[in-house]
């Protein structure tokens, strides 16, 4: 099980994203719940990023939208970083 950390920056980004995409809130919640239990479940397509986003991981919300996180404490804590389209988060 992974403990999620929602900091102020992510909270702001999420609220903005949720206002634009109210139809995806339930999908986001389902993916986050699954991520808490099994962070590398195949349906999440969890993968590490490279370059300037080194040590950040991306999770699929759906085909267009991603959630990015930074793991700490050997993958037992995940700090939520950003949510948005591929272009917005990368």
PDB file of N, CA and C in Angstrom:
ATOM      1  N   UNK A   1       0.843  -1.178   0.000  1.00  0.00           N
ATOM      2  CA  UNK A   1       0.000   0.000   0.000  1.00  0.00           C
ATOM      3  C   UNK A   1       0.888   1.242   0.000  1.00  0.00           C
ATOM      4  N   UNK A   2       0.484   2.240  -0.780  1.00  0.00           N
ATOM      5  CA  UNK A   2       1.237   3.483  -0.917  1.00  0.00           C
ATOM      6  C   UNK A   2       0.479   4.606  -0.227  1.00  0.00           C
ATOM      7  N   UNK A   3       1.187   5.395   0.545  1.00  0.00           N
ATOM      8  CA  UNK A   3       0.588   6.567   1.180  1.00  0.00           C
ATOM      9  C   UNK A   3       0.715   7.734   0.209  1.00  0.00           C
ATOM     10  N   UNK A   4      -0.408   8.417  -0.085  1.00  0.00           N
ATOM     11  CA  UNK A   4      -0.397   9.552  -1.001  1.00  0.00           C
ATOM     12  C   UNK A   4      -0.258  10.851  -0.234  1.00  0.00           C
ATOM     13  N   UNK A   5       0.536  11.757  -0.792  1.00  0.00           N
ATOM     14  CA  UNK A   5       0.726  13.083  -0.199  1.00  0.00           C
ATOM     15  C   UNK A   5       0.224  14.117  -1.194  1.00  0.00           C
ATOM     16  N   UNK A   6      -0.824  14.849  -0.797  1.00  0.00           N
ATOM     17  CA  UNK A   6      -1.381  15.947  -1.593  1.00  0.00           C
ATOM     18  C   UNK A   6      -0.840  17.241  -0.998  1.00  0.00           C
ATOM     19  N   UNK A   7       0.112  17.894  -1.661  1.00  0.00           N
ATOM     20  CA  UNK A   7       0.596  19.174  -1.152  1.00  0.00           C
ATOM     21  C   UNK A   7      -0.214  20.318  -1.767  1.00  0.00           C
ATOM     22  N   UNK A   8       0.062  21.538  -1.336  1.00  0.00           N
ATOM     23  CA  UNK A   8      -0.719  22.692  -1.805  1.00  0.00           C
ATOM     24  C   UNK A   8      -0.623  22.895  -3.310  1.00  0.00           C
ATOM     25  N   UNK A   9       0.571  22.718  -3.868  1.00  0.00           N
ATOM     26  CA  UNK A   9       0.745  22.895  -5.318  1.00  0.00           C
ATOM     27  C   UNK A   9      -0.124  21.914  -6.091  1.00  0.00           C
ATOM     28  N   UNK A  10      -0.093  20.653  -5.678  1.00  0.00           N
ATOM     29  CA  UNK A  10      -0.899  19.667  -6.386  1.00  0.00           C
ATOM     30  C   UNK A  10      -2.384  19.949  -6.184  1.00  0.00           C
ATOM     31  N   UNK A  11      -2.762  20.319  -4.991  1.00  0.00           N
ATOM     32  CA  UNK A  11      -4.170  20.612  -4.693  1.00  0.00           C
ATOM     33  C   UNK A  11      -4.708  21.682  -5.647  1.00  0.00           C
ATOM     34  N   UNK A  12      -3.921  22.739  -5.874  1.00  0.00           N
ATOM     35  CA  UNK A  12      -4.317  23.808  -6.800  1.00  0.00           C
ATOM     36  C   UNK A  12      -4.448  23.279  -8.225  1.00  0.00           C
ATOM     37  N   UNK A  13      -3.459  22.515  -8.646  1.00  0.00           N
ATOM     38  CA  UNK A  13      -3.480  21.966 -10.011  1.00  0.00           C
ATOM     39  C   UNK A  13      -4.673  21.028 -10.205  1.00  0.00           C
ATOM     40  N   UNK A  14      -4.923  20.199  -9.201  1.00  0.00           N
ATOM     41  CA  UNK A  14      -6.042  19.259  -9.304  1.00  0.00           C
ATOM     42  C   UNK A  14      -7.373  20.000  -9.385  1.00  0.00           C
ATOM     43  N   UNK A  15      -7.589  21.003  -8.550  1.00  0.00           N
ATOM     44  CA  UNK A  15      -8.853  21.747  -8.565  1.00  0.00           C
ATOM     45  C   UNK A  15      -9.085  22.406  -9.919  1.00  0.00           C
ATOM     46  N   UNK A  16      -8.036  22.976 -10.487  1.00  0.00           N
ATOM     47  CA  UNK A  16      -8.145  23.602 -11.809  1.00  0.00           C
ATOM     48  C   UNK A  16      -8.493  22.556 -12.871  1.00  0.00           C
ATOM     49  N   UNK A  17      -7.801  21.426 -12.821  1.00  0.00           N
ATOM     50  CA  UNK A  17      -8.057  20.349 -13.775  1.00  0.00           C
ATOM     51  C   UNK A  17      -9.476  19.802 -13.612  1.00  0.00           C
ATOM     52  N   UNK A  18      -9.910  19.605 -12.374  1.00  0.00           N
ATOM     53  CA  UNK A  18     -11.239  19.044 -12.099  1.00  0.00           C
ATOM     54  C   UNK A  18     -12.349  19.982 -12.579  1.00  0.00           C
ATOM     55  N   UNK A  19     -12.137  21.290 -12.461  1.00  0.00           N
ATOM     56  CA  UNK A  19     -13.150  22.238 -12.969  1.00  0.00           C
ATOM     57  C   UNK A  19     -13.305  22.116 -14.481  1.00  0.00           C
ATOM     58  N   UNK A  20     -12.198  21.888 -15.169  1.00  0.00           N
ATOM     59  CA  UNK A  20     -12.234  21.747 -16.630  1.00  0.00           C
ATOM     60  C   UNK A  20     -12.787  20.393 -17.066  1.00  0.00           C
ATOM     61  N   UNK A  21     -12.614  19.365 -16.225  1.00  0.00           N
ATOM     62  CA  UNK A  21     -12.961  17.993 -16.610  1.00  0.00           C
ATOM     63  C   UNK A  21     -13.795  17.286 -15.537  1.00  0.00           C
ATOM     64  N   UNK A  22     -14.964  17.816 -15.216  1.00  0.00           N
ATOM     65  CA  UNK A  22     -15.777  17.172 -14.165  1.00  0.00           C
ATOM     66  C   UNK A  22     -16.177  15.745 -14.526  1.00  0.00           C
ATOM     67  N   UNK A  23     -16.237  15.445 -15.808  1.00  0.00           N
ATOM     68  CA  UNK A  23     -16.599  14.104 -16.262  1.00  0.00           C
ATOM     69  C   UNK A  23     -15.505  13.071 -15.964  1.00  0.00           C
ATOM     70  N   UNK A  24     -14.286  13.522 -15.657  1.00  0.00           N
ATOM     71  CA  UNK A  24     -13.178  12.595 -15.407  1.00  0.00           C
ATOM     72  C   UNK A  24     -12.840  12.428 -13.930  1.00  0.00           C
ATOM     73  N   UNK A  25     -13.553  13.123 -13.059  1.00  0.00           N
ATOM     74  CA  UNK A  25     -13.248  13.052 -11.627  1.00  0.00           C
ATOM     75  C   UNK A  25     -13.387  11.626 -11.104  1.00  0.00           C
ATOM     76  N   UNK A  26     -14.450  10.927 -11.474  1.00  0.00           N
ATOM     77  CA  UNK A  26     -14.626   9.558 -10.970  1.00  0.00           C
ATOM     78  C   UNK A  26     -13.534   8.632 -11.510  1.00  0.00           C
ATOM     79  N   UNK A  27     -13.125   8.816 -12.751  1.00  0.00           N
ATOM     80  CA  UNK A  27     -12.038   8.014 -13.319  1.00  0.00           C
ATOM     81  C   UNK A  27     -10.737   8.299 -12.570  1.00  0.00           C
ATOM     82  N   UNK A  28     -10.474   9.577 -12.302  1.00  0.00           N
ATOM     83  CA  UNK A  28      -9.287   9.956 -11.536  1.00  0.00           C
ATOM     84  C   UNK A  28      -9.309   9.270 -10.170  1.00  0.00           C
ATOM     85  N   UNK A  29     -10.433   9.334  -9.484  1.00  0.00           N
ATOM     86  CA  UNK A  29     -10.544   8.728  -8.152  1.00  0.00           C
ATOM     87  C   UNK A  29     -10.333   7.219  -8.192  1.00  0.00           C
ATOM     88  N   UNK A  30     -10.872   6.566  -9.213  1.00  0.00           N
ATOM     89  CA  UNK A  30     -10.674   5.117  -9.364  1.00  0.00           C
ATOM     90  C   UNK A  30      -9.202   4.782  -9.562  1.00  0.00           C
ATOM     91  N   UNK A  31      -8.529   5.548 -10.429  1.00  0.00           N
ATOM     92  CA  UNK A  31      -7.115   5.290 -10.709  1.00  0.00           C
ATOM     93  C   UNK A  31      -6.258   5.546  -9.474  1.00  0.00           C
ATOM     94  N   UNK A  32      -6.559   6.605  -8.739  1.00  0.00           N
ATOM     95  CA  UNK A  32      -5.795   6.912  -7.521  1.00  0.00           C
ATOM     96  C   UNK A  32      -6.015   5.829  -6.465  1.00  0.00           C
ATOM     97  N   UNK A  33      -7.242   5.360  -6.337  1.00  0.00           N
ATOM     98  CA  UNK A  33      -7.526   4.286  -5.377  1.00  0.00           C
ATOM     99  C   UNK A  33      -6.769   3.016  -5.745  1.00  0.00           C
ATOM    100  N   UNK A  34      -6.758   2.676  -7.015  1.00  0.00           N
ATOM    101  CA  UNK A  34      -6.005   1.508  -7.473  1.00  0.00           C
ATOM    102  C   UNK A  34      -4.513   1.710  -7.239  1.00  0.00           C
ATOM    103  N   UNK A  35      -4.023   2.904  -7.526  1.00  0.00           N
ATOM    104  CA  UNK A  35      -2.609   3.215  -7.335  1.00  0.00           C
ATOM    105  C   UNK A  35      -2.192   3.045  -5.871  1.00  0.00           C
ATOM    106  N   UNK A  36      -3.050   3.444  -4.948  1.00  0.00           N
ATOM    107  CA  UNK A  36      -2.743   3.296  -3.522  1.00  0.00           C
ATOM    108  C   UNK A  36      -2.536   1.827  -3.145  1.00  0.00           C
ATOM    109  N   UNK A  37      -3.343   0.958  -3.727  1.00  0.00           N
ATOM    110  CA  UNK A  37      -3.287  -0.462  -3.402  1.00  0.00           C
ATOM    111  C   UNK A  37      -2.205  -1.178  -4.205  1.00  0.00           C
ATOM    112  N   UNK A  38      -2.141  -0.895  -5.487  1.00  0.00           N
ATOM    113  CA  UNK A  38      -1.197  -1.585  -6.383  1.00  0.00           C
ATOM    114  C   UNK A  38      -0.615  -0.579  -7.378  1.00  0.00           C
ATOM    115  N   UNK A  39       0.445   0.146  -6.989  1.00  0.00           N
ATOM    116  CA  UNK A  39       0.967   1.234  -7.816  1.00  0.00           C
ATOM    117  C   UNK A  39       1.476   0.829  -9.198  1.00  0.00           C
ATOM    118  N   UNK A  40       1.781  -0.431  -9.387  1.00  0.00           N
ATOM    119  CA  UNK A  40       2.280  -0.867 -10.692  1.00  0.00           C
ATOM    120  C   UNK A  40       1.295  -1.795 -11.407  1.00  0.00           C
ATOM    121  N   UNK A  41       0.008  -1.607 -11.131  1.00  0.00           N
ATOM    122  CA  UNK A  41      -1.023  -2.386 -11.817  1.00  0.00           C
ATOM    123  C   UNK A  41      -0.930  -2.094 -13.316  1.00  0.00           C
ATOM    124  N   UNK A  42      -1.042  -3.107 -14.160  1.00  0.00           N
ATOM    125  CA  UNK A  42      -0.901  -2.902 -15.612  1.00  0.00           C
ATOM    126  C   UNK A  42      -1.839  -1.847 -16.202  1.00  0.00           C
ATOM    127  N   UNK A  43      -3.036  -1.701 -15.670  1.00  0.00           N
ATOM    128  CA  UNK A  43      -3.971  -0.725 -16.236  1.00  0.00           C
ATOM    129  C   UNK A  43      -3.539   0.719 -15.983  1.00  0.00           C
ATOM    130  N   UNK A  44      -2.648   0.940 -15.021  1.00  0.00           N
ATOM    131  CA  UNK A  44      -2.159   2.292 -14.740  1.00  0.00           C
ATOM    132  C   UNK A  44      -1.005   2.692 -15.649  1.00  0.00           C
ATOM    133  N   UNK A  45      -0.349   1.701 -16.229  1.00  0.00           N
ATOM    134  CA  UNK A  45       0.810   1.931 -17.106  1.00  0.00           C
ATOM    135  C   UNK A  45       1.835   2.839 -16.425  1.00  0.00           C
ATOM    136  N   UNK A  46       2.099   2.570 -15.171  1.00  0.00           N
ATOM    137  CA  UNK A  46       3.044   3.360 -14.388  1.00  0.00           C
ATOM    138  C   UNK A  46       4.439   3.254 -15.001  1.00  0.00           C
ATOM    139  N   UNK A  47       5.048   4.413 -15.266  1.00  0.00           N
ATOM    140  CA  UNK A  47       6.385   4.406 -15.861  1.00  0.00           C
ATOM    141  C   UNK A  47       7.191   5.616 -15.398  1.00  0.00           C
ATOM    142  N   UNK A  48       8.513   5.428 -15.302  1.00  0.00           N
ATOM    143  CA  UNK A  48       9.402   6.497 -14.883  1.00  0.00           C
ATOM    144  C   UNK A  48       9.696   7.415 -16.064  1.00  0.00           C
ATOM    145  N   UNK A  49       9.781   8.699 -15.770  1.00  0.00           N
ATOM    146  CA  UNK A  49      10.102   9.676 -16.798  1.00  0.00           C
ATOM    147  C   UNK A  49      11.604   9.946 -16.798  1.00  0.00           C
ATOM    148  N   UNK A  50      12.056  10.617 -17.833  1.00  0.00           N
ATOM    149  CA  UNK A  50      13.486  10.918 -17.970  1.00  0.00           C
ATOM    150  C   UNK A  50      13.695  12.408 -18.190  1.00  0.00           C
ATOM    151  N   UNK A  51      14.932  12.785 -18.306  1.00  0.00           N
ATOM    152  CA  UNK A  51      15.269  14.183 -18.586  1.00  0.00           C
ATOM    153  C   UNK A  51      14.994  15.075 -17.397  1.00  0.00           C
ATOM    154  N   UNK A  52      14.380  16.228 -17.655  1.00  0.00           N
ATOM    155  CA  UNK A  52      14.136  17.185 -16.568  1.00  0.00           C
ATOM    156  C   UNK A  52      13.145  16.650 -15.540  1.00  0.00           C
ATOM    157  N   UNK A  53      12.389  15.614 -15.882  1.00  0.00           N
ATOM    158  CA  UNK A  53      11.447  14.997 -14.949  1.00  0.00           C
ATOM    159  C   UNK A  53      11.988  13.689 -14.376  1.00  0.00           C
ATOM    160  N   UNK A  54      13.304  13.589 -14.328  1.00  0.00           N
ATOM    161  CA  UNK A  54      13.952  12.414 -13.752  1.00  0.00           C
ATOM    162  C   UNK A  54      13.431  12.176 -12.334  1.00  0.00           C
ATOM    163  N   UNK A  55      13.186  10.942 -11.985  1.00  0.00           N
ATOM    164  CA  UNK A  55      12.665  10.521 -10.686  1.00  0.00           C
ATOM    165  C   UNK A  55      11.183  10.836 -10.502  1.00  0.00           C
ATOM    166  N   UNK A  56      10.508  11.239 -11.559  1.00  0.00           N
ATOM    167  CA  UNK A  56       9.063  11.421 -11.526  1.00  0.00           C
ATOM    168  C   UNK A  56       8.451  10.272 -12.314  1.00  0.00           C
ATOM    169  N   UNK A  57       7.328   9.776 -11.826  1.00  0.00           N
ATOM    170  CA  UNK A  57       6.627   8.670 -12.468  1.00  0.00           C
ATOM    171  C   UNK A  57       5.292   9.162 -13.013  1.00  0.00           C
ATOM    172  N   UNK A  58       4.843   8.585 -14.111  1.00  0.00           N
ATOM    173  CA  UNK A  58       3.560   8.943 -14.701  1.00  0.00           C
ATOM    174  C   UNK A  58       2.603   7.764 -14.624  1.00  0.00           C
ATOM    175  N   UNK A  59       1.333   8.085 -14.432  1.00  0.00           N
ATOM    176  CA  UNK A  59       0.259   7.097 -14.348  1.00  0.00           C
ATOM    177  C   UNK A  59      -0.830   7.520 -15.326  1.00  0.00           C
ATOM    178  N   UNK A  60      -1.355   6.582 -16.074  1.00  0.00           N
ATOM    179  CA  UNK A  60      -2.438   6.882 -17.005  1.00  0.00           C
ATOM    180  C   UNK A  60      -3.754   7.037 -16.258  1.00  0.00           C
ATOM    181  N   UNK A  61      -4.422   8.156 -16.497  1.00  0.00           N
ATOM    182  CA  UNK A  61      -5.804   8.311 -16.044  1.00  0.00           C
ATOM    183  C   UNK A  61      -6.706   7.801 -17.164  1.00  0.00           C
ATOM    184  N   UNK A  62      -6.395   8.242 -18.370  1.00  0.00           N
ATOM    185  CA  UNK A  62      -7.015   7.711 -19.585  1.00  0.00           C
ATOM    186  C   UNK A  62      -6.042   7.985 -20.728  1.00  0.00           C
ATOM    187  N   UNK A  63      -6.480   7.815 -21.949  1.00  0.00           N
ATOM    188  CA  UNK A  63      -5.584   7.963 -23.090  1.00  0.00           C
ATOM    189  C   UNK A  63      -4.914   9.337 -23.119  1.00  0.00           C
ATOM    190  N   UNK A  64      -5.647  10.384 -22.747  1.00  0.00           N
ATOM    191  CA  UNK A  64      -5.136  11.747 -22.871  1.00  0.00           C
ATOM    192  C   UNK A  64      -4.506  12.316 -21.604  1.00  0.00           C
ATOM    193  N   UNK A  65      -4.980  11.893 -20.441  1.00  0.00           N
ATOM    194  CA  UNK A  65      -4.575  12.541 -19.191  1.00  0.00           C
ATOM    195  C   UNK A  65      -3.688  11.659 -18.324  1.00  0.00           C
ATOM    196  N   UNK A  66      -2.735  12.319 -17.629  1.00  0.00           N
ATOM    197  CA  UNK A  66      -1.769  11.640 -16.786  1.00  0.00           C
ATOM    198  C   UNK A  66      -1.745  12.264 -15.393  1.00  0.00           C
ATOM    199  N   UNK A  67      -1.307  11.463 -14.452  1.00  0.00           N
ATOM    200  CA  UNK A  67      -1.019  11.904 -13.096  1.00  0.00           C
ATOM    201  C   UNK A  67       0.466  11.637 -12.890  1.00  0.00           C
ATOM    202  N   UNK A  68       1.205  12.625 -12.398  1.00  0.00           N
ATOM    203  CA  UNK A  68       2.613  12.402 -12.123  1.00  0.00           C
ATOM    204  C   UNK A  68       2.844  12.406 -10.617  1.00  0.00           C
ATOM    205  N   UNK A  69       3.753  11.545 -10.194  1.00  0.00           N
ATOM    206  CA  UNK A  69       4.059  11.389  -8.767  1.00  0.00           C
ATOM    207  C   UNK A  69       5.567  11.239  -8.588  1.00  0.00           C
ATOM    208  N   UNK A  70       6.006  11.521  -7.380  1.00  0.00           N
ATOM    209  CA  UNK A  70       7.402  11.304  -7.007  1.00  0.00           C
ATOM    210  C   UNK A  70       7.388  10.335  -5.820  1.00  0.00           C
ATOM    211  N   UNK A  71       8.044   9.195  -5.988  1.00  0.00           N
ATOM    212  CA  UNK A  71       8.100   8.197  -4.921  1.00  0.00           C
ATOM    213  C   UNK A  71       9.169   8.571  -3.900  1.00  0.00           C
ATOM    214  N   UNK A  72       8.902   8.221  -2.656  1.00  0.00           N
ATOM    215  CA  UNK A  72       9.878   8.342  -1.578  1.00  0.00           C
ATOM    216  C   UNK A  72       9.775   7.105  -0.708  1.00  0.00           C
ATOM    217  N   UNK A  73      10.782   6.904   0.099  1.00  0.00           N
ATOM    218  CA  UNK A  73      10.804   5.797   1.049  1.00  0.00           C
ATOM    219  C   UNK A  73      10.527   4.452   0.380  1.00  0.00           C
ATOM    220  N   UNK A  74      11.314   4.177  -0.655  1.00  0.00           N
ATOM    221  CA  UNK A  74      11.238   2.896  -1.366  1.00  0.00           C
ATOM    222  C   UNK A  74       9.829   2.536  -1.835  1.00  0.00           C
ATOM    223  N   UNK A  75       9.190   3.483  -2.483  1.00  0.00           N
ATOM    224  CA  UNK A  75       7.869   3.311  -3.086  1.00  0.00           C
ATOM    225  C   UNK A  75       6.744   3.090  -2.076  1.00  0.00           C
ATOM    226  N   UNK A  76       6.905   3.567  -0.849  1.00  0.00           N
ATOM    227  CA  UNK A  76       5.819   3.452   0.129  1.00  0.00           C
ATOM    228  C   UNK A  76       5.087   4.776   0.308  1.00  0.00           C
ATOM    229  N   UNK A  77       5.681   5.871  -0.180  1.00  0.00           N
ATOM    230  CA  UNK A  77       5.064   7.197  -0.136  1.00  0.00           C
ATOM    231  C   UNK A  77       5.134   7.776  -1.533  1.00  0.00           C
ATOM    232  N   UNK A  78       4.025   8.355  -2.005  1.00  0.00           N
ATOM    233  CA  UNK A  78       3.994   8.982  -3.324  1.00  0.00           C
ATOM    234  C   UNK A  78       3.484  10.410  -3.183  1.00  0.00           C
ATOM    235  N   UNK A  79       4.321  11.356  -3.568  1.00  0.00           N
ATOM    236  CA  UNK A  79       3.929  12.766  -3.551  1.00  0.00           C
ATOM    237  C   UNK A  79       3.319  13.081  -4.907  1.00  0.00           C
ATOM    238  N   UNK A  80       2.061  13.514  -4.914  1.00  0.00           N
ATOM    239  CA  UNK A  80       1.396  13.840  -6.161  1.00  0.00           C
ATOM    240  C   UNK A  80       1.972  15.146  -6.689  1.00  0.00           C
ATOM    241  N   UNK A  81       2.346  15.152  -7.965  1.00  0.00           N
ATOM    242  CA  UNK A  81       3.051  16.294  -8.549  1.00  0.00           C
ATOM    243  C   UNK A  81       2.151  17.108  -9.463  1.00  0.00           C
ATOM    244  N   UNK A  82       1.507  16.451 -10.427  1.00  0.00           N
ATOM    245  CA  UNK A  82       0.727  17.179 -11.422  1.00  0.00           C
ATOM    246  C   UNK A  82      -0.322  16.259 -12.039  1.00  0.00           C
ATOM    247  N   UNK A  83      -1.333  16.864 -12.612  1.00  0.00           N
ATOM    248  CA  UNK A  83      -2.357  16.139 -13.348  1.00  0.00           C
ATOM    249  C   UNK A  83      -2.721  16.986 -14.561  1.00  0.00           C
ATOM    250  N   UNK A  84      -2.879  16.343 -15.696  1.00  0.00           N
ATOM    251  CA  UNK A  84      -3.239  17.067 -16.909  1.00  0.00           C
ATOM    252  C   UNK A  84      -2.973  16.240 -18.136  1.00  0.00           C
ATOM    253  N   UNK A  85      -3.053  16.916 -19.280  1.00  0.00           N
ATOM    254  CA  UNK A  85      -2.799  16.232 -20.541  1.00  0.00           C
ATOM    255  C   UNK A  85      -1.309  15.929 -20.661  1.00  0.00           C
ATOM    256  N   UNK A  86      -0.985  15.121 -21.621  1.00  0.00           N
ATOM    257  CA  UNK A  86       0.406  14.742 -21.879  1.00  0.00           C
ATOM    258  C   UNK A  86       1.277  15.995 -21.996  1.00  0.00           C
ATOM    259  N   UNK A  87       0.831  16.970 -22.765  1.00  0.00           N
ATOM    260  CA  UNK A  87       1.610  18.188 -22.976  1.00  0.00           C
ATOM    261  C   UNK A  87       1.717  19.029 -21.708  1.00  0.00           C
ATOM    262  N   UNK A  88       0.693  19.023 -20.877  1.00  0.00           N
ATOM    263  CA  UNK A  88       0.687  19.832 -19.655  1.00  0.00           C
ATOM    264  C   UNK A  88       1.617  19.298 -18.587  1.00  0.00           C
ATOM    265  N   UNK A  89       1.719  17.997 -18.449  1.00  0.00           N
ATOM    266  CA  UNK A  89       2.505  17.437 -17.343  1.00  0.00           C
ATOM    267  C   UNK A  89       3.939  17.097 -17.731  1.00  0.00           C
ATOM    268  N   UNK A  90       4.224  16.937 -19.029  1.00  0.00           N
ATOM    269  CA  UNK A  90       5.593  16.576 -19.419  1.00  0.00           C
ATOM    270  C   UNK A  90       6.370  17.792 -19.800  1.00  0.00           C
TER     271      UNK A  90
END
